[in-house]
Structures are given as C-alpha cells and as structure tokens.
C-alpha cells in the first residue's frame, strides 16, 4: 500500500488539486511539501497535532516536510473559519510562540540532516515592499473570485478588514517562495485552507509557468460537525503545563462512541488491520478501543512514561486496578480553612474545577458535583481537615476527577 492509499484508508484526504498527479508524487518521491502553522498561541493544540501526524506519515515514506512558522502571516491573522477578527499579536508574542512551537514540533518530526526543514515566513514577508508586492502578486488575484470563497463569504456579513483580506495573498506568496527556494511541490493543510492553497497553486502557475499541487485533509470533528479540541476548561493543548498529560488522556478516553474508530485511523499509527478488530465492539466493550486511542495519542505527545501514568490513574478511578497517584490533585494547606472548615464552593474553586463561586453554584444546582461518589446538593456543605486524612475524590460531571489531600 502506497502512502497515498494509506492516507485515504485512514479517512484523512479531503480534496486534491489534481488527484492523479498528487497520488504519483506522494507514492513516488522523494517530494518536498509544506504545512503552515500560525503562532496564534504559545502552544500547539490538537488541530495542529493532526497535521503533524500527516507530516510524520510522509516523512516515514521518504518525503521531506517543511514546517512554515507564520512569523509574517501571524502579524495579520487568517480569517478562515472566523466570525470576527483575530486578536492582533505583538511581534514579541509571535516570537515567543514560535519558539514554543519549535520545541513541540521536534517531538514528532526528525529535523536532523536536512530530513525536514523549519522556516519562518517573516524572513521574506516582513521585508517586502508593499507596492512591489501589489504589482508582482496582487495583480494575479481577482477580488470577484476571492469573494466567492467560503472563508470570505462567512465574514462579509460582519465585516472583513482589508488587513485580513491580504492573508490569502501572503499565504499564496509563501507557497511561491517555497516552490522557488526549496523545490516544494505540494502544500498540505486542513480542508478549511482549500481557498488559500488554490491561491498558491495558481500564483505559481502564473508567475513561473510550472505546476504545483495542493491536498487538504479532513478536520477533527465531533459527530455533529464541530471542531474537536475544546473542553469546558478551554482548548486541549500539547503543552503539559496548559493541559496535563492526565487531562489530555481523559479527553481522548471520553470521545463519542461513534468517533473512536475514525480517530484511531486518523491520529494514531496503529495498523489498519488491528483497528478493524475494534470496529465490531459495542457498549462497554468499546472502552478497549477508547483506551487504546487515549494511550497512543498521549504516548505520541507526552511520551510512554506519562501515558502509562495517565492510564494507571484512569484504571484506579474505574476500579480496574492501578493507582490514583498520577490523578490531578490539590493539596490543601491550613490557610485554605476558615474556622476549621472549607465550603464546597471554595473547594471547587481551589481545585480549579470552577472559575468562580458562582460557577460552582451552577454546577451543584445541575447535580454535577460528587465527593467520594456522594452527590453534593447543598451549597453550604463544609469539610474539615480531618476529612482529608485519606484521599478525597471530587468529581465534576461524569468525566472530570480530582484528588484532594492535605499538605504534609
């Protein structure tokens, strides 16, 4: 099976600009391809993770990935998929975010000995003369055509800034520079990047007379079509300081039943024939597939040791053996108690299970809080230090568990 067929069988490929030629390049090679990453935060998230899995598939097949960090495009912000304008980042914030991205990417892609490249589009975008850019690049773009693309149509009702309108030209110019400077023949991206990729393919053809190609991939979505990677606490990050390995594991352990086989195919390297053995599982038996998904993804992102710890803590929670030593925990100190007591509202906020006392009240009203499997129904419920001499497990909803202890 060629790598193109592998990506197809895993349900990854959405669109190609020329399927026959792209298949030939991807199955042959080696070929240089690129994926762009705008540094909009100080960590990669699960949406980026899918792109790096694809890069790893291609690199394993002998191809050369180019990771383009958007030091230039990040100054503008991609309007794709947005209903409002992105927050403008300072140059200092962009540089910091890029440094964080670099460290995380090196866990997935081998950049040694020229096997992959990491470049910053600020190196060519920030030095451009605007009038020259308009004459050399802008002349090749039709505003009428650009406005037919979904990424712009969805913003027209609320307003699309001229700043954002330039984003497609900048990303297209990235592809042109990578084509001329590095022999990059294919741009990859999520399916929401289709219009931007088309722009680059057409710009290369118009300026050089040569062909370049694009391929997009399915987005990670829930069964109702929403992008994955969000929880009640916010985004699911690859940085362990922002999303702990345990919480990361739990996110994948608790995916919808209908999505688990699809995700095993898309974001793990588990062989397809092995994944097929999970496809007939139903009910509680499907938990085996969910555990495999959670373990494999956590191992890829955080390493085997952290994956083992997260799995062991999960087994302890659900009575299948293991230890809760690696469960997220809060150690209370003497200062947390007032007149020898701490209320359930204060406890939820102290553990980070609620951002405020008001939110803690709402959780209790909805029946979403339990302590040691006993549902909490009173806002005035209090606990004394003696209650925490043994581990207390606070549960929020069905899937979030937190251990509470006393400081030694």
Foldseek 3Di string as FASTA:
>chain_A
DFLVVLCVVLQWFDDKPDVVVVSVCQRDDQAEEEEEDELLDLFAFVQVLLVLLSVLSSLVSPHEYEYEYELPLNQQDALQPHQDGRDGDDSVRRVNSVVSHVVQSVLRDPPPPNSYHYYYLCVPRVPDDVVVLCVLQVVQDDPVVVCVDPSNVSHVVVDDDPSNVCSLSSLLVVLLCCCVPPVHAEYEEAPSCVSSRVSNQSSNCVPPVDGGMYIYTYACAAPVRHGDQADPVGGGGLDCVVPNLLNQLLSQLPGDLVCLLSLCSRNAPPDPVVSVVLVPDDDPRNSVSSLVSSLRNSCSRPNNVSSVQSSQLVCVVVVNHHDVPSAAEDADEPVCDDPQKHWPLSVCCRSVVAVHSVRVVVQLCVQFKDKPPHTDNDRRDIDGLVVQCDWIWIGGHDRHIYIYHHDD
